[in-house]
Amino acid sequence: MTRTLIALTFAASALALGACGSTMEQRAATGAVAGAVVAGPVGAAVGGAAGAAVSRTQGED
């Protein structure tokens, strides 16, 4: 149970960090690095996608 809560906390942090940066590439890279730290290669893919999605929703190219 404790490990699950810790993992969820880190996952939420990774998604939040996906919004850091001023361009789509920076946001995707930040999200990918944070995701890789939390969950390895799968986390990198999810974090990168989250960073790219944030840029798309904010209307930046």
N, C-alpha and C. Protein backbone atom coordinates (compact mmCIF):
# COMPACT_ATOMS: atom_id res chain seq x y z
N MET A 1 0.82 -1.19 0.00
CA MET A 1 0.00 0.00 0.00
C MET A 1 0.86 1.26 0.00
N THR A 2 1.88 1.27 0.83
CA THR A 2 2.76 2.43 0.90
C THR A 2 3.50 2.65 -0.41
N ARG A 3 3.95 1.56 -1.02
CA ARG A 3 4.66 1.69 -2.30
C ARG A 3 3.74 2.25 -3.38
N THR A 4 2.49 1.85 -3.35
CA THR A 4 1.53 2.35 -4.33
C THR A 4 1.33 3.86 -4.17
N LEU A 5 1.19 4.31 -2.94
CA LEU A 5 1.02 5.74 -2.70
C LEU A 5 2.25 6.54 -3.13
N ILE A 6 3.42 5.99 -2.86
CA ILE A 6 4.65 6.66 -3.27
C ILE A 6 4.73 6.72 -4.79
N ALA A 7 4.40 5.61 -5.46
CA ALA A 7 4.44 5.58 -6.92
C ALA A 7 3.45 6.57 -7.51
N LEU A 8 2.26 6.66 -6.94
CA LEU A 8 1.27 7.61 -7.43
C LEU A 8 1.72 9.06 -7.23
N THR A 9 2.38 9.32 -6.13
CA THR A 9 2.91 10.65 -5.88
C THR A 9 3.96 11.03 -6.91
N PHE A 10 4.87 10.10 -7.19
CA PHE A 10 5.90 10.38 -8.19
C PHE A 10 5.29 10.51 -9.59
N ALA A 11 4.28 9.71 -9.89
CA ALA A 11 3.63 9.80 -11.19
C ALA A 11 2.95 11.16 -11.37
N ALA A 12 2.30 11.63 -10.33
CA ALA A 12 1.67 12.95 -10.39
C ALA A 12 2.71 14.04 -10.58
N SER A 13 3.85 13.89 -9.92
CA SER A 13 4.94 14.86 -10.08
C SER A 13 5.46 14.85 -11.51
N ALA A 14 5.57 13.68 -12.08
CA ALA A 14 6.06 13.58 -13.46
C ALA A 14 5.11 14.28 -14.42
N LEU A 15 3.82 14.10 -14.23
CA LEU A 15 2.85 14.77 -15.09
C LEU A 15 2.88 16.28 -14.90
N ALA A 16 3.07 16.72 -13.67
CA ALA A 16 3.16 18.15 -13.41
C ALA A 16 4.40 18.75 -14.06
N LEU A 17 5.50 18.03 -14.01
CA LEU A 17 6.72 18.52 -14.62
C LEU A 17 6.63 18.54 -16.14
N GLY A 18 5.69 17.81 -16.69
CA GLY A 18 5.49 17.83 -18.13
C GLY A 18 5.11 19.20 -18.64
N ALA A 19 4.63 20.06 -17.76
CA ALA A 19 4.23 21.41 -18.15
C ALA A 19 5.38 22.41 -18.10
N CYS A 20 6.55 22.01 -17.62
CA CYS A 20 7.69 22.92 -17.53
C CYS A 20 8.29 23.14 -18.91
N GLY A 21 8.74 24.32 -19.17
CA GLY A 21 9.37 24.65 -20.45
C GLY A 21 8.54 25.66 -21.21
N SER A 22 9.13 26.21 -22.25
CA SER A 22 8.42 27.21 -23.02
C SER A 22 8.07 26.74 -24.43
N THR A 23 8.63 25.62 -24.87
CA THR A 23 8.28 25.08 -26.17
C THR A 23 7.81 23.64 -26.01
N MET A 24 7.21 23.13 -27.06
CA MET A 24 6.70 21.76 -27.01
C MET A 24 7.83 20.77 -26.77
N GLU A 25 8.97 21.00 -27.39
CA GLU A 25 10.10 20.09 -27.23
C GLU A 25 10.62 20.07 -25.80
N GLN A 26 10.68 21.24 -25.19
CA GLN A 26 11.15 21.32 -23.80
C GLN A 26 10.18 20.64 -22.86
N ARG A 27 8.89 20.83 -23.07
CA ARG A 27 7.90 20.20 -22.21
C ARG A 27 7.91 18.69 -22.37
N ALA A 28 8.02 18.21 -23.60
CA ALA A 28 8.07 16.77 -23.84
C ALA A 28 9.34 16.17 -23.22
N ALA A 29 10.46 16.86 -23.34
CA ALA A 29 11.72 16.36 -22.77
C ALA A 29 11.67 16.33 -21.25
N THR A 30 11.14 17.38 -20.65
CA THR A 30 11.03 17.42 -19.19
C THR A 30 10.12 16.31 -18.69
N GLY A 31 9.00 16.12 -19.35
CA GLY A 31 8.08 15.05 -18.97
C GLY A 31 8.71 13.67 -19.14
N ALA A 32 9.47 13.49 -20.22
CA ALA A 32 10.11 12.20 -20.47
C ALA A 32 11.16 11.89 -19.42
N VAL A 33 11.96 12.87 -19.04
CA VAL A 33 12.99 12.65 -18.01
C VAL A 33 12.34 12.33 -16.67
N ALA A 34 11.33 13.10 -16.31
CA ALA A 34 10.64 12.84 -15.04
C ALA A 34 9.98 11.46 -15.06
N GLY A 35 9.37 11.10 -16.16
CA GLY A 35 8.74 9.80 -16.27
C GLY A 35 9.74 8.67 -16.21
N ALA A 36 10.92 8.86 -16.82
CA ALA A 36 11.95 7.83 -16.79
C ALA A 36 12.46 7.60 -15.37
N VAL A 37 12.56 8.66 -14.60
CA VAL A 37 13.00 8.52 -13.22
C VAL A 37 11.99 7.72 -12.41
N VAL A 38 10.71 7.94 -12.67
CA VAL A 38 9.67 7.29 -11.89
C VAL A 38 9.43 5.85 -12.35
N ALA A 39 9.28 5.65 -13.65
CA ALA A 39 8.83 4.34 -14.12
C ALA A 39 9.64 3.76 -15.27
N GLY A 40 10.83 4.25 -15.49
CA GLY A 40 11.67 3.69 -16.54
C GLY A 40 11.18 4.06 -17.93
N PRO A 41 11.39 3.17 -18.91
CA PRO A 41 11.04 3.49 -20.30
C PRO A 41 9.56 3.79 -20.52
N VAL A 42 8.69 3.07 -19.84
CA VAL A 42 7.26 3.33 -19.99
C VAL A 42 6.92 4.72 -19.45
N GLY A 43 7.51 5.06 -18.33
CA GLY A 43 7.29 6.39 -17.75
C GLY A 43 7.81 7.48 -18.66
N ALA A 44 8.92 7.23 -19.34
CA ALA A 44 9.47 8.21 -20.27
C ALA A 44 8.49 8.47 -21.41
N ALA A 45 7.89 7.42 -21.92
CA ALA A 45 6.93 7.57 -23.01
C ALA A 45 5.69 8.34 -22.54
N VAL A 46 5.19 7.99 -21.38
CA VAL A 46 4.00 8.66 -20.84
C VAL A 46 4.31 10.12 -20.51
N GLY A 47 5.45 10.37 -19.89
CA GLY A 47 5.83 11.75 -19.56
C GLY A 47 6.03 12.62 -20.78
N GLY A 48 6.66 12.05 -21.80
CA GLY A 48 6.85 12.79 -23.05
C GLY A 48 5.52 13.12 -23.71
N ALA A 49 4.62 12.15 -23.71
CA ALA A 49 3.29 12.39 -24.29
C ALA A 49 2.52 13.44 -23.49
N ALA A 50 2.66 13.41 -22.17
CA ALA A 50 1.98 14.40 -21.33
C ALA A 50 2.52 15.80 -21.61
N GLY A 51 3.82 15.92 -21.75
CA GLY A 51 4.41 17.23 -22.05
C GLY A 51 3.96 17.75 -23.40
N ALA A 52 3.89 16.87 -24.38
CA ALA A 52 3.42 17.28 -25.71
C ALA A 52 1.95 17.65 -25.68
N ALA A 53 1.15 16.91 -24.92
CA ALA A 53 -0.28 17.19 -24.82
C ALA A 53 -0.52 18.54 -24.15
N VAL A 54 0.27 18.88 -23.15
CA VAL A 54 0.12 20.18 -22.50
C VAL A 54 0.38 21.30 -23.50
N SER A 55 1.40 21.13 -24.33
CA SER A 55 1.69 22.16 -25.33
C SER A 55 0.56 22.29 -26.33
N ARG A 56 0.00 21.16 -26.72
CA ARG A 56 -1.11 21.20 -27.69
C ARG A 56 -2.33 21.89 -27.10
N THR A 57 -2.65 21.62 -25.84
CA THR A 57 -3.82 22.23 -25.23
C THR A 57 -3.62 23.72 -24.98
N GLN A 58 -2.38 24.15 -24.84
CA GLN A 58 -2.10 25.56 -24.64
C GLN A 58 -1.98 26.31 -25.97
N GLY A 59 -2.09 25.58 -27.07
CA GLY A 59 -2.07 26.21 -28.39
C GLY A 59 -0.71 26.59 -28.89
N GLU A 60 0.36 25.95 -28.37
CA GLU A 60 1.70 26.25 -28.84
C GLU A 60 2.16 25.17 -29.80
N ASP A 61 2.99 25.53 -30.76
CA ASP A 61 3.53 24.57 -31.71
C ASP A 61 4.92 24.17 -31.38
